[in-house]
N, C-alpha and C. Protein backbone atom coordinates (compact mmCIF):
# COMPACT_ATOMS: atom_id res chain seq x y z
N MET A 1 -9.30 3.23 -12.22
CA MET A 1 -9.88 3.10 -10.89
C MET A 1 -9.86 4.47 -10.20
N ASP A 2 -11.02 4.97 -9.95
CA ASP A 2 -11.13 6.29 -9.34
C ASP A 2 -10.52 6.36 -7.95
N SER A 3 -10.67 5.30 -7.14
CA SER A 3 -10.14 5.37 -5.78
C SER A 3 -8.61 5.48 -5.78
N SER A 4 -7.95 4.83 -6.70
CA SER A 4 -6.49 4.93 -6.79
C SER A 4 -6.07 6.33 -7.22
N ARG A 5 -6.76 6.86 -8.19
CA ARG A 5 -6.45 8.21 -8.68
C ARG A 5 -6.69 9.24 -7.58
N GLN A 6 -7.79 9.10 -6.86
CA GLN A 6 -8.10 10.03 -5.77
C GLN A 6 -7.08 9.93 -4.64
N ALA A 7 -6.71 8.72 -4.26
CA ALA A 7 -5.73 8.54 -3.19
C ALA A 7 -4.38 9.11 -3.60
N ALA A 8 -3.98 8.90 -4.86
CA ALA A 8 -2.71 9.44 -5.34
C ALA A 8 -2.72 10.96 -5.31
N ALA A 9 -3.85 11.56 -5.66
CA ALA A 9 -3.96 13.02 -5.62
C ALA A 9 -3.86 13.54 -4.19
N LEU A 10 -4.53 12.88 -3.26
CA LEU A 10 -4.44 13.26 -1.85
C LEU A 10 -3.00 13.12 -1.35
N LEU A 11 -2.38 12.02 -1.68
CA LEU A 11 -1.02 11.75 -1.23
C LEU A 11 -0.03 12.77 -1.77
N SER A 12 -0.24 13.25 -2.98
CA SER A 12 0.71 14.18 -3.58
C SER A 12 0.80 15.48 -2.79
N GLY A 13 -0.22 15.81 -2.01
CA GLY A 13 -0.17 17.01 -1.19
C GLY A 13 0.66 16.85 0.07
N PHE A 14 1.02 15.62 0.42
CA PHE A 14 1.75 15.36 1.66
C PHE A 14 3.11 14.70 1.43
N ALA A 15 3.20 13.87 0.43
CA ALA A 15 4.39 13.03 0.24
C ALA A 15 5.49 13.76 -0.52
N GLN A 16 6.72 13.45 -0.16
CA GLN A 16 7.91 13.99 -0.82
C GLN A 16 8.70 12.83 -1.44
N PRO A 17 9.35 13.06 -2.57
CA PRO A 17 10.17 12.01 -3.18
C PRO A 17 11.14 11.42 -2.16
N GLY A 18 11.28 10.11 -2.21
CA GLY A 18 12.18 9.40 -1.31
C GLY A 18 11.52 8.90 -0.04
N GLU A 19 10.32 9.38 0.26
CA GLU A 19 9.61 8.89 1.45
C GLU A 19 9.03 7.51 1.17
N THR A 20 8.63 6.83 2.23
CA THR A 20 8.12 5.46 2.11
C THR A 20 6.60 5.43 2.10
N LEU A 21 6.07 4.51 1.31
CA LEU A 21 4.63 4.31 1.20
C LEU A 21 4.31 2.83 1.34
N LEU A 22 3.37 2.53 2.22
CA LEU A 22 2.85 1.17 2.36
C LEU A 22 1.47 1.13 1.74
N ASP A 23 1.27 0.23 0.80
CA ASP A 23 -0.03 -0.02 0.18
C ASP A 23 -0.58 -1.28 0.85
N ALA A 24 -1.44 -1.10 1.86
CA ALA A 24 -1.99 -2.21 2.64
C ALA A 24 -3.19 -2.80 1.91
N GLY A 25 -3.10 -4.08 1.58
CA GLY A 25 -4.13 -4.71 0.77
C GLY A 25 -3.89 -4.45 -0.70
N CYS A 26 -2.65 -4.57 -1.11
CA CYS A 26 -2.21 -4.14 -2.44
C CYS A 26 -2.68 -5.03 -3.58
N GLY A 27 -3.13 -6.23 -3.27
CA GLY A 27 -3.44 -7.16 -4.36
C GLY A 27 -2.19 -7.45 -5.16
N SER A 28 -2.21 -7.15 -6.44
CA SER A 28 -1.03 -7.38 -7.28
C SER A 28 -0.19 -6.12 -7.46
N GLY A 29 -0.50 -5.05 -6.72
CA GLY A 29 0.32 -3.84 -6.76
C GLY A 29 -0.17 -2.77 -7.71
N TYR A 30 -1.42 -2.82 -8.10
CA TYR A 30 -1.98 -1.88 -9.08
C TYR A 30 -1.76 -0.41 -8.69
N PHE A 31 -1.86 -0.09 -7.40
CA PHE A 31 -1.74 1.31 -6.96
C PHE A 31 -0.38 1.91 -7.32
N PHE A 32 0.63 1.08 -7.48
CA PHE A 32 1.96 1.57 -7.86
C PHE A 32 1.88 2.45 -9.11
N HIS A 33 1.04 2.07 -10.08
CA HIS A 33 0.90 2.85 -11.31
C HIS A 33 0.48 4.29 -11.01
N SER A 34 -0.34 4.46 -9.98
CA SER A 34 -0.88 5.79 -9.66
C SER A 34 0.14 6.69 -8.99
N ILE A 35 1.15 6.13 -8.37
CA ILE A 35 2.12 6.94 -7.62
C ILE A 35 3.54 6.84 -8.17
N ALA A 36 3.74 6.11 -9.24
CA ALA A 36 5.09 5.88 -9.77
C ALA A 36 5.84 7.17 -10.04
N SER A 37 5.15 8.19 -10.50
CA SER A 37 5.81 9.45 -10.85
C SER A 37 6.15 10.30 -9.62
N GLN A 38 5.66 9.91 -8.42
CA GLN A 38 5.90 10.71 -7.22
C GLN A 38 7.24 10.42 -6.55
N GLY A 39 7.95 9.39 -6.99
CA GLY A 39 9.27 9.11 -6.45
C GLY A 39 9.26 8.54 -5.04
N LEU A 40 8.20 7.84 -4.68
CA LEU A 40 8.10 7.25 -3.35
C LEU A 40 8.67 5.84 -3.35
N ASN A 41 9.17 5.41 -2.20
CA ASN A 41 9.63 4.04 -2.03
C ASN A 41 8.41 3.21 -1.67
N TYR A 42 7.92 2.43 -2.63
CA TYR A 42 6.68 1.69 -2.53
C TYR A 42 6.89 0.30 -1.94
N CYS A 43 5.99 -0.08 -1.04
CA CYS A 43 5.92 -1.44 -0.53
C CYS A 43 4.45 -1.82 -0.48
N GLY A 44 4.09 -2.94 -1.07
CA GLY A 44 2.72 -3.43 -1.03
C GLY A 44 2.64 -4.70 -0.23
N VAL A 45 1.57 -4.83 0.55
CA VAL A 45 1.36 -6.04 1.34
C VAL A 45 -0.07 -6.52 1.14
N ASP A 46 -0.22 -7.83 0.98
CA ASP A 46 -1.54 -8.43 0.83
C ASP A 46 -1.49 -9.84 1.41
N ALA A 47 -2.63 -10.29 1.93
CA ALA A 47 -2.70 -11.62 2.54
C ALA A 47 -2.95 -12.72 1.53
N ALA A 48 -3.20 -12.37 0.27
CA ALA A 48 -3.49 -13.36 -0.77
C ALA A 48 -2.22 -13.70 -1.55
N PRO A 49 -1.64 -14.86 -1.31
CA PRO A 49 -0.39 -15.24 -1.99
C PRO A 49 -0.50 -15.21 -3.51
N SER A 50 -1.65 -15.61 -4.05
CA SER A 50 -1.79 -15.65 -5.51
C SER A 50 -1.72 -14.25 -6.12
N LEU A 51 -2.32 -13.26 -5.47
CA LEU A 51 -2.27 -11.89 -5.98
C LEU A 51 -0.87 -11.31 -5.88
N VAL A 52 -0.21 -11.56 -4.76
CA VAL A 52 1.16 -11.06 -4.59
C VAL A 52 2.08 -11.68 -5.64
N GLU A 53 1.90 -12.95 -5.93
CA GLU A 53 2.73 -13.62 -6.93
C GLU A 53 2.50 -13.02 -8.32
N ILE A 54 1.26 -12.70 -8.66
CA ILE A 54 0.98 -12.04 -9.94
C ILE A 54 1.75 -10.71 -10.00
N GLY A 55 1.68 -9.93 -8.92
CA GLY A 55 2.40 -8.67 -8.88
C GLY A 55 3.89 -8.83 -8.99
N ARG A 56 4.43 -9.84 -8.34
CA ARG A 56 5.88 -10.08 -8.41
C ARG A 56 6.33 -10.43 -9.83
N GLN A 57 5.45 -11.06 -10.58
CA GLN A 57 5.78 -11.41 -11.96
C GLN A 57 5.58 -10.24 -12.91
N GLU A 58 4.54 -9.45 -12.71
CA GLU A 58 4.16 -8.42 -13.68
C GLU A 58 4.72 -7.02 -13.40
N MET A 59 4.81 -6.63 -12.14
CA MET A 59 5.12 -5.24 -11.81
C MET A 59 6.56 -4.80 -12.07
N PRO A 60 7.56 -5.69 -12.06
CA PRO A 60 8.91 -5.22 -12.39
C PRO A 60 9.00 -4.55 -13.76
N ALA A 61 8.17 -4.95 -14.69
CA ALA A 61 8.17 -4.33 -16.02
C ALA A 61 7.77 -2.86 -15.96
N PHE A 62 7.13 -2.45 -14.87
CA PHE A 62 6.68 -1.07 -14.69
C PHE A 62 7.53 -0.30 -13.68
N GLY A 63 8.62 -0.92 -13.21
CA GLY A 63 9.53 -0.25 -12.29
C GLY A 63 9.33 -0.58 -10.82
N CYS A 64 8.44 -1.50 -10.51
CA CYS A 64 8.20 -1.90 -9.12
C CYS A 64 8.92 -3.23 -8.87
N PRO A 65 9.99 -3.21 -8.08
CA PRO A 65 10.74 -4.44 -7.82
C PRO A 65 9.87 -5.52 -7.19
N SER A 66 10.07 -6.76 -7.57
CA SER A 66 9.27 -7.86 -7.03
C SER A 66 9.39 -7.97 -5.51
N LYS A 67 10.54 -7.58 -4.96
CA LYS A 67 10.72 -7.65 -3.51
C LYS A 67 9.88 -6.61 -2.77
N SER A 68 9.29 -5.67 -3.51
CA SER A 68 8.45 -4.64 -2.89
C SER A 68 7.04 -5.13 -2.59
N LEU A 69 6.71 -6.34 -3.02
CA LEU A 69 5.39 -6.92 -2.77
C LEU A 69 5.55 -8.08 -1.80
N ILE A 70 4.83 -8.01 -0.70
CA ILE A 70 4.99 -8.95 0.41
C ILE A 70 3.66 -9.60 0.73
N CYS A 71 3.69 -10.89 0.99
CA CYS A 71 2.49 -11.60 1.43
C CYS A 71 2.49 -11.63 2.96
N ALA A 72 1.54 -10.91 3.55
CA ALA A 72 1.42 -10.86 5.01
C ALA A 72 0.08 -10.26 5.38
N ARG A 73 -0.33 -10.48 6.61
CA ARG A 73 -1.54 -9.86 7.13
C ARG A 73 -1.19 -8.49 7.70
N ILE A 74 -2.10 -7.56 7.60
CA ILE A 74 -1.87 -6.21 8.12
C ILE A 74 -1.50 -6.26 9.60
N GLU A 75 -2.21 -7.08 10.34
CA GLU A 75 -2.00 -7.16 11.79
C GLU A 75 -0.59 -7.59 12.17
N ASP A 76 0.11 -8.27 11.26
CA ASP A 76 1.44 -8.81 11.55
C ASP A 76 2.58 -7.87 11.16
N LEU A 77 2.27 -6.74 10.57
CA LEU A 77 3.31 -5.81 10.12
C LEU A 77 3.96 -5.10 11.30
N GLU A 78 5.24 -4.82 11.17
CA GLU A 78 5.99 -4.09 12.19
C GLU A 78 6.77 -2.97 11.52
N GLY A 79 7.27 -2.05 12.34
CA GLY A 79 8.07 -0.95 11.83
C GLY A 79 7.22 0.28 11.61
N CYS A 80 7.70 1.14 10.72
CA CYS A 80 6.93 2.34 10.40
C CYS A 80 7.31 2.82 9.00
N VAL A 81 6.39 3.55 8.39
CA VAL A 81 6.58 4.13 7.07
C VAL A 81 6.05 5.56 7.12
N ASP A 82 6.38 6.34 6.14
CA ASP A 82 5.88 7.71 6.13
C ASP A 82 4.39 7.78 5.84
N HIS A 83 3.94 6.99 4.87
CA HIS A 83 2.56 7.08 4.41
C HIS A 83 1.97 5.69 4.24
N VAL A 84 0.69 5.57 4.54
CA VAL A 84 -0.04 4.31 4.34
C VAL A 84 -1.30 4.61 3.55
N VAL A 85 -1.55 3.77 2.56
CA VAL A 85 -2.79 3.82 1.79
C VAL A 85 -3.44 2.45 1.92
N CYS A 86 -4.73 2.45 2.23
CA CYS A 86 -5.47 1.20 2.37
C CYS A 86 -6.83 1.41 1.69
N LEU A 87 -6.97 0.85 0.50
CA LEU A 87 -8.15 1.09 -0.31
C LEU A 87 -9.02 -0.17 -0.38
N ASN A 88 -10.27 -0.03 0.03
CA ASN A 88 -11.27 -1.09 -0.12
C ASN A 88 -10.87 -2.41 0.54
N VAL A 89 -10.25 -2.32 1.72
CA VAL A 89 -9.81 -3.51 2.43
C VAL A 89 -10.56 -3.67 3.75
N LEU A 90 -10.50 -2.67 4.60
CA LEU A 90 -11.04 -2.80 5.95
C LEU A 90 -12.53 -3.11 5.96
N SER A 91 -13.27 -2.60 5.00
CA SER A 91 -14.72 -2.86 4.96
C SER A 91 -15.03 -4.31 4.59
N ASN A 92 -14.04 -5.05 4.12
CA ASN A 92 -14.24 -6.46 3.77
C ASN A 92 -13.81 -7.42 4.87
N LEU A 93 -13.39 -6.89 6.00
CA LEU A 93 -12.95 -7.74 7.11
C LEU A 93 -14.06 -7.88 8.14
N ASP A 94 -14.11 -9.03 8.79
CA ASP A 94 -15.11 -9.23 9.85
C ASP A 94 -14.90 -8.26 10.99
N ASN A 95 -13.66 -8.04 11.34
CA ASN A 95 -13.33 -7.13 12.44
C ASN A 95 -12.14 -6.28 12.00
N PHE A 96 -12.38 -5.01 11.76
CA PHE A 96 -11.34 -4.12 11.23
C PHE A 96 -10.52 -3.43 12.31
N HIS A 97 -10.84 -3.63 13.58
CA HIS A 97 -10.20 -2.87 14.65
C HIS A 97 -8.69 -3.11 14.75
N ARG A 98 -8.25 -4.34 14.77
CA ARG A 98 -6.80 -4.61 14.88
C ARG A 98 -6.02 -4.15 13.65
N PRO A 99 -6.51 -4.46 12.44
CA PRO A 99 -5.79 -3.93 11.27
C PRO A 99 -5.73 -2.41 11.26
N LEU A 100 -6.82 -1.75 11.60
CA LEU A 100 -6.82 -0.28 11.63
C LEU A 100 -5.84 0.23 12.67
N ASP A 101 -5.81 -0.37 13.83
CA ASP A 101 -4.87 0.03 14.88
C ASP A 101 -3.43 -0.13 14.38
N ARG A 102 -3.15 -1.22 13.68
CA ARG A 102 -1.80 -1.45 13.16
C ARG A 102 -1.43 -0.41 12.11
N LEU A 103 -2.37 -0.08 11.23
CA LEU A 103 -2.10 0.94 10.20
C LEU A 103 -1.81 2.30 10.83
N LEU A 104 -2.55 2.65 11.86
CA LEU A 104 -2.31 3.92 12.57
C LEU A 104 -0.93 3.91 13.22
N PHE A 105 -0.52 2.78 13.75
CA PHE A 105 0.79 2.64 14.38
C PHE A 105 1.91 2.76 13.35
N LEU A 106 1.71 2.20 12.17
CA LEU A 106 2.75 2.17 11.13
C LEU A 106 2.99 3.52 10.47
N ALA A 107 1.94 4.32 10.34
CA ALA A 107 2.01 5.57 9.57
C ALA A 107 2.61 6.70 10.39
N ARG A 108 3.76 7.22 9.95
CA ARG A 108 4.37 8.37 10.63
C ARG A 108 3.69 9.68 10.26
N ARG A 109 3.27 9.81 8.99
CA ARG A 109 2.75 11.11 8.53
C ARG A 109 1.29 11.04 8.12
N THR A 110 0.94 10.15 7.20
CA THR A 110 -0.44 10.13 6.72
C THR A 110 -0.96 8.70 6.58
N LEU A 111 -2.29 8.59 6.73
CA LEU A 111 -3.00 7.35 6.48
C LEU A 111 -4.23 7.71 5.64
N ILE A 112 -4.31 7.11 4.47
CA ILE A 112 -5.44 7.35 3.57
C ILE A 112 -6.23 6.05 3.51
N LEU A 113 -7.49 6.13 3.92
CA LEU A 113 -8.38 4.96 3.93
C LEU A 113 -9.55 5.17 3.00
N ARG A 114 -10.01 4.07 2.47
CA ARG A 114 -11.29 4.10 1.76
C ARG A 114 -12.01 2.83 2.07
């Protein structure tokens, strides 16, 4: 997936090992493969329970703990992380304004959108 590879390359210019990354709209956590070598604390969130469950079953074999994948809506997230990546999600929503506002609020350092 080119978008994952491109986002990981962009992120590598800003992210430091040990920093936190939120993958908003993670599906089953595929993006983890693209950043696993960067040493980031990964958390994926998706509103589709079936996709999150697939990730919880499959991703631990690749080093991503099942607890790192959460079923939730972007608008309901709280707190903050160092970096946020949101690939191919906002363009599929009827109204992207609230999710985008939440992502901007969550990201301390960078937000990568596609």
